[in-house]
Amino acid sequence: MKDFVNETNTIFGDDLKSFVKPQSRFDEIDISDLSQYTSAEAEGKRCNLVKYVELGSNLDFLRDGIEIVDTPGLDDPVIQREEITK
């Protein structure tokens, strides 16, 4: 965890304070940009700051619901957690 915190501080520097707030920040993005916020491999490491992702769509074929299965730990920004999951 220490490496994760150090990496995050190094990447964001003084800008980190603009992201970490008492109230959650909300960013609406295009689905094609989602991996920039969720992938440990994405440049900029925004995934280090993402608490959760909420997806929405008005597609008619989803009107009866959809189930999404999360695989916590895969593509995790903390490599040790990804290794545990694997």
N, C-alpha and C. Protein backbone atom coordinates (compact mmCIF):
# COMPACT_ATOMS: atom_id res chain seq x y z
N MET A 1 0.83 -1.19 0.00
CA MET A 1 0.00 0.00 0.00
C MET A 1 0.87 1.25 0.00
N LYS A 2 2.00 1.17 0.70
CA LYS A 2 2.91 2.32 0.75
C LYS A 2 3.37 2.69 -0.65
N ASP A 3 3.69 1.68 -1.48
CA ASP A 3 4.12 1.95 -2.86
C ASP A 3 3.00 2.62 -3.66
N PHE A 4 1.78 2.18 -3.43
CA PHE A 4 0.61 2.76 -4.11
C PHE A 4 0.46 4.24 -3.75
N VAL A 5 0.57 4.56 -2.47
CA VAL A 5 0.43 5.95 -2.01
C VAL A 5 1.58 6.80 -2.57
N ASN A 6 2.78 6.27 -2.52
CA ASN A 6 3.93 7.01 -3.05
C ASN A 6 3.79 7.25 -4.55
N GLU A 7 3.34 6.23 -5.28
CA GLU A 7 3.14 6.39 -6.72
C GLU A 7 2.10 7.47 -7.01
N THR A 8 1.00 7.43 -6.28
CA THR A 8 -0.07 8.41 -6.47
C THR A 8 0.42 9.82 -6.18
N ASN A 9 1.15 10.00 -5.10
CA ASN A 9 1.71 11.32 -4.77
C ASN A 9 2.68 11.79 -5.84
N THR A 10 3.48 10.89 -6.36
CA THR A 10 4.46 11.26 -7.39
C THR A 10 3.76 11.68 -8.68
N ILE A 11 2.75 10.94 -9.08
CA ILE A 11 2.05 11.21 -10.35
C ILE A 11 1.27 12.52 -10.28
N PHE A 12 0.53 12.72 -9.20
CA PHE A 12 -0.38 13.86 -9.12
C PHE A 12 0.23 15.08 -8.43
N GLY A 13 1.23 14.88 -7.60
CA GLY A 13 1.89 16.00 -6.92
C GLY A 13 0.90 16.90 -6.20
N ASP A 14 1.07 18.20 -6.36
CA ASP A 14 0.20 19.16 -5.69
C ASP A 14 -1.23 19.13 -6.22
N ASP A 15 -1.43 18.60 -7.43
CA ASP A 15 -2.78 18.50 -7.99
C ASP A 15 -3.65 17.49 -7.25
N LEU A 16 -3.03 16.61 -6.48
CA LEU A 16 -3.78 15.58 -5.76
C LEU A 16 -4.85 16.21 -4.87
N LYS A 17 -4.56 17.35 -4.28
CA LYS A 17 -5.52 18.02 -3.39
C LYS A 17 -6.77 18.47 -4.14
N SER A 18 -6.66 18.69 -5.44
CA SER A 18 -7.84 19.09 -6.21
C SER A 18 -8.75 17.89 -6.51
N PHE A 19 -8.23 16.68 -6.35
CA PHE A 19 -9.02 15.47 -6.58
C PHE A 19 -9.59 14.89 -5.30
N VAL A 20 -8.84 14.95 -4.22
CA VAL A 20 -9.26 14.34 -2.96
C VAL A 20 -10.00 15.39 -2.14
N LYS A 21 -11.29 15.17 -2.00
CA LYS A 21 -12.18 16.14 -1.33
C LYS A 21 -13.10 15.39 -0.37
N PRO A 22 -13.69 16.10 0.59
CA PRO A 22 -14.65 15.44 1.50
C PRO A 22 -15.86 14.87 0.74
N GLN A 23 -16.29 15.58 -0.30
CA GLN A 23 -17.40 15.11 -1.12
C GLN A 23 -16.84 14.44 -2.38
N SER A 24 -17.45 13.35 -2.79
CA SER A 24 -16.99 12.65 -3.98
C SER A 24 -17.10 13.55 -5.20
N ARG A 25 -16.15 13.40 -6.09
CA ARG A 25 -16.15 14.13 -7.35
C ARG A 25 -16.90 13.28 -8.37
N PHE A 26 -17.61 13.93 -9.28
CA PHE A 26 -18.39 13.24 -10.30
C PHE A 26 -17.91 13.71 -11.66
N ASP A 27 -17.44 12.79 -12.48
CA ASP A 27 -17.03 13.10 -13.85
C ASP A 27 -17.89 12.30 -14.81
N GLU A 28 -18.54 12.96 -15.74
CA GLU A 28 -19.29 12.25 -16.77
C GLU A 28 -18.37 12.14 -17.99
N ILE A 29 -18.14 10.90 -18.43
CA ILE A 29 -17.22 10.67 -19.53
C ILE A 29 -17.86 9.78 -20.58
N ASP A 30 -17.30 9.78 -21.75
CA ASP A 30 -17.74 8.91 -22.82
C ASP A 30 -17.26 7.49 -22.52
N ILE A 31 -18.06 6.50 -22.86
CA ILE A 31 -17.72 5.10 -22.59
C ILE A 31 -16.39 4.71 -23.23
N SER A 32 -16.03 5.34 -24.32
CA SER A 32 -14.77 5.01 -24.99
C SER A 32 -13.56 5.46 -24.16
N ASP A 33 -13.78 6.35 -23.18
CA ASP A 33 -12.70 6.83 -22.32
C ASP A 33 -12.66 6.11 -20.96
N LEU A 34 -13.54 5.15 -20.76
CA LEU A 34 -13.67 4.51 -19.45
C LEU A 34 -12.37 3.88 -18.98
N SER A 35 -11.64 3.23 -19.87
CA SER A 35 -10.41 2.55 -19.44
C SER A 35 -9.35 3.52 -18.93
N GLN A 36 -9.43 4.78 -19.33
CA GLN A 36 -8.50 5.78 -18.81
C GLN A 36 -8.70 6.01 -17.31
N TYR A 37 -9.89 5.67 -16.82
CA TYR A 37 -10.21 5.87 -15.41
C TYR A 37 -10.19 4.57 -14.60
N THR A 38 -10.18 3.42 -15.28
CA THR A 38 -10.31 2.15 -14.57
C THR A 38 -9.15 1.20 -14.78
N SER A 39 -8.30 1.43 -15.75
CA SER A 39 -7.22 0.50 -16.05
C SER A 39 -5.90 0.92 -15.39
N ALA A 40 -5.25 -0.04 -14.74
CA ALA A 40 -3.95 0.22 -14.13
C ALA A 40 -2.89 0.49 -15.18
N GLU A 41 -3.15 0.10 -16.42
CA GLU A 41 -2.19 0.28 -17.50
C GLU A 41 -2.33 1.63 -18.20
N ALA A 42 -3.40 2.37 -17.89
CA ALA A 42 -3.66 3.64 -18.56
C ALA A 42 -2.67 4.71 -18.11
N GLU A 43 -2.26 5.54 -19.04
CA GLU A 43 -1.36 6.65 -18.72
C GLU A 43 -2.07 7.64 -17.80
N GLY A 44 -1.36 8.15 -16.83
CA GLY A 44 -1.94 9.13 -15.91
C GLY A 44 -2.47 8.53 -14.63
N LYS A 45 -2.66 7.23 -14.58
CA LYS A 45 -3.07 6.51 -13.37
C LYS A 45 -4.29 7.10 -12.67
N ARG A 46 -5.27 7.55 -13.44
CA ARG A 46 -6.50 8.06 -12.82
C ARG A 46 -7.19 6.98 -11.98
N CYS A 47 -6.94 5.72 -12.34
CA CYS A 47 -7.56 4.62 -11.62
C CYS A 47 -7.20 4.65 -10.14
N ASN A 48 -6.06 5.22 -9.79
CA ASN A 48 -5.65 5.32 -8.39
C ASN A 48 -6.63 6.15 -7.57
N LEU A 49 -7.39 7.01 -8.22
CA LEU A 49 -8.28 7.92 -7.51
C LEU A 49 -9.76 7.56 -7.64
N VAL A 50 -10.09 6.53 -8.41
CA VAL A 50 -11.49 6.18 -8.67
C VAL A 50 -12.04 5.31 -7.55
N LYS A 51 -13.11 5.79 -6.91
CA LYS A 51 -13.75 5.04 -5.84
C LYS A 51 -14.77 4.05 -6.41
N TYR A 52 -15.55 4.50 -7.37
CA TYR A 52 -16.51 3.60 -8.03
C TYR A 52 -16.87 4.16 -9.40
N VAL A 53 -17.45 3.29 -10.21
CA VAL A 53 -17.89 3.67 -11.55
C VAL A 53 -19.36 3.30 -11.67
N GLU A 54 -20.13 4.23 -12.17
CA GLU A 54 -21.56 3.98 -12.39
C GLU A 54 -21.83 4.16 -13.87
N LEU A 55 -22.42 3.15 -14.48
CA LEU A 55 -22.73 3.20 -15.91
C LEU A 55 -24.22 3.35 -16.12
N GLY A 56 -24.59 4.11 -17.13
CA GLY A 56 -26.00 4.27 -17.44
C GLY A 56 -26.21 4.28 -18.95
N SER A 57 -27.37 3.81 -19.36
CA SER A 57 -27.69 3.80 -20.79
C SER A 57 -29.20 3.69 -20.96
N ASN A 58 -29.69 4.24 -22.05
CA ASN A 58 -31.11 4.17 -22.36
C ASN A 58 -31.39 3.15 -23.46
N LEU A 59 -30.61 2.09 -23.51
CA LEU A 59 -30.81 1.08 -24.55
C LEU A 59 -32.04 0.24 -24.23
N ASP A 60 -32.94 0.13 -25.20
CA ASP A 60 -34.20 -0.57 -25.00
C ASP A 60 -34.02 -2.03 -24.59
N PHE A 61 -33.02 -2.70 -25.14
CA PHE A 61 -32.86 -4.11 -24.83
C PHE A 61 -32.37 -4.35 -23.38
N LEU A 62 -32.05 -3.29 -22.66
CA LEU A 62 -31.65 -3.42 -21.27
C LEU A 62 -32.80 -3.12 -20.30
N ARG A 63 -33.97 -2.88 -20.80
CA ARG A 63 -35.08 -2.45 -19.94
C ARG A 63 -35.44 -3.46 -18.86
N ASP A 64 -35.14 -4.75 -19.08
CA ASP A 64 -35.43 -5.78 -18.08
C ASP A 64 -34.28 -5.99 -17.11
N GLY A 65 -33.23 -5.21 -17.25
CA GLY A 65 -32.10 -5.30 -16.33
C GLY A 65 -30.89 -5.98 -16.95
N ILE A 66 -29.79 -5.83 -16.29
CA ILE A 66 -28.53 -6.40 -16.73
C ILE A 66 -27.71 -6.71 -15.48
N GLU A 67 -26.94 -7.78 -15.54
CA GLU A 67 -26.06 -8.11 -14.43
C GLU A 67 -24.63 -7.93 -14.89
N ILE A 68 -23.85 -7.23 -14.07
CA ILE A 68 -22.43 -7.03 -14.35
C ILE A 68 -21.66 -7.74 -13.26
N VAL A 69 -20.72 -8.55 -13.66
CA VAL A 69 -19.89 -9.27 -12.71
C VAL A 69 -18.53 -8.59 -12.65
N ASP A 70 -18.18 -8.11 -11.48
CA ASP A 70 -16.89 -7.45 -11.29
C ASP A 70 -15.86 -8.52 -10.92
N THR A 71 -14.67 -8.34 -11.41
CA THR A 71 -13.56 -9.22 -11.05
C THR A 71 -12.55 -8.40 -10.27
N PRO A 72 -12.84 -8.12 -8.98
CA PRO A 72 -11.97 -7.25 -8.22
C PRO A 72 -10.55 -7.79 -8.17
N GLY A 73 -9.62 -6.89 -8.40
CA GLY A 73 -8.22 -7.28 -8.36
C GLY A 73 -7.58 -7.44 -9.71
N LEU A 74 -8.35 -7.77 -10.73
CA LEU A 74 -7.77 -7.88 -12.06
C LEU A 74 -7.59 -6.47 -12.61
N ASP A 75 -6.42 -6.19 -13.13
CA ASP A 75 -6.05 -4.87 -13.64
C ASP A 75 -6.04 -3.83 -12.51
N ASP A 76 -5.71 -4.30 -11.30
CA ASP A 76 -5.66 -3.43 -10.12
C ASP A 76 -4.41 -2.56 -10.17
N PRO A 77 -4.52 -1.29 -9.77
CA PRO A 77 -3.33 -0.43 -9.74
C PRO A 77 -2.29 -0.90 -8.72
N VAL A 78 -2.72 -1.67 -7.73
CA VAL A 78 -1.78 -2.24 -6.76
C VAL A 78 -1.46 -3.65 -7.22
N ILE A 79 -0.28 -3.86 -7.74
CA ILE A 79 0.12 -5.11 -8.37
C ILE A 79 -0.05 -6.29 -7.42
N GLN A 80 0.21 -6.11 -6.15
CA GLN A 80 0.09 -7.21 -5.19
C GLN A 80 -1.34 -7.72 -5.12
N ARG A 81 -2.32 -6.84 -5.20
CA ARG A 81 -3.72 -7.28 -5.16
C ARG A 81 -4.08 -8.05 -6.42
N GLU A 82 -3.52 -7.62 -7.57
CA GLU A 82 -3.77 -8.34 -8.81
C GLU A 82 -3.17 -9.74 -8.73
N GLU A 83 -1.99 -9.88 -8.17
CA GLU A 83 -1.34 -11.18 -8.03
C GLU A 83 -2.16 -12.10 -7.12
N ILE A 84 -2.70 -11.55 -6.03
CA ILE A 84 -3.55 -12.36 -5.13
C ILE A 84 -4.77 -12.86 -5.88
N THR A 85 -5.39 -12.01 -6.68
CA THR A 85 -6.58 -12.39 -7.43
C THR A 85 -6.27 -13.50 -8.43
N LYS A 86 -5.14 -13.34 -9.13
CA LYS A 86 -4.75 -14.36 -10.12
C LYS A 86 -4.50 -15.69 -9.42
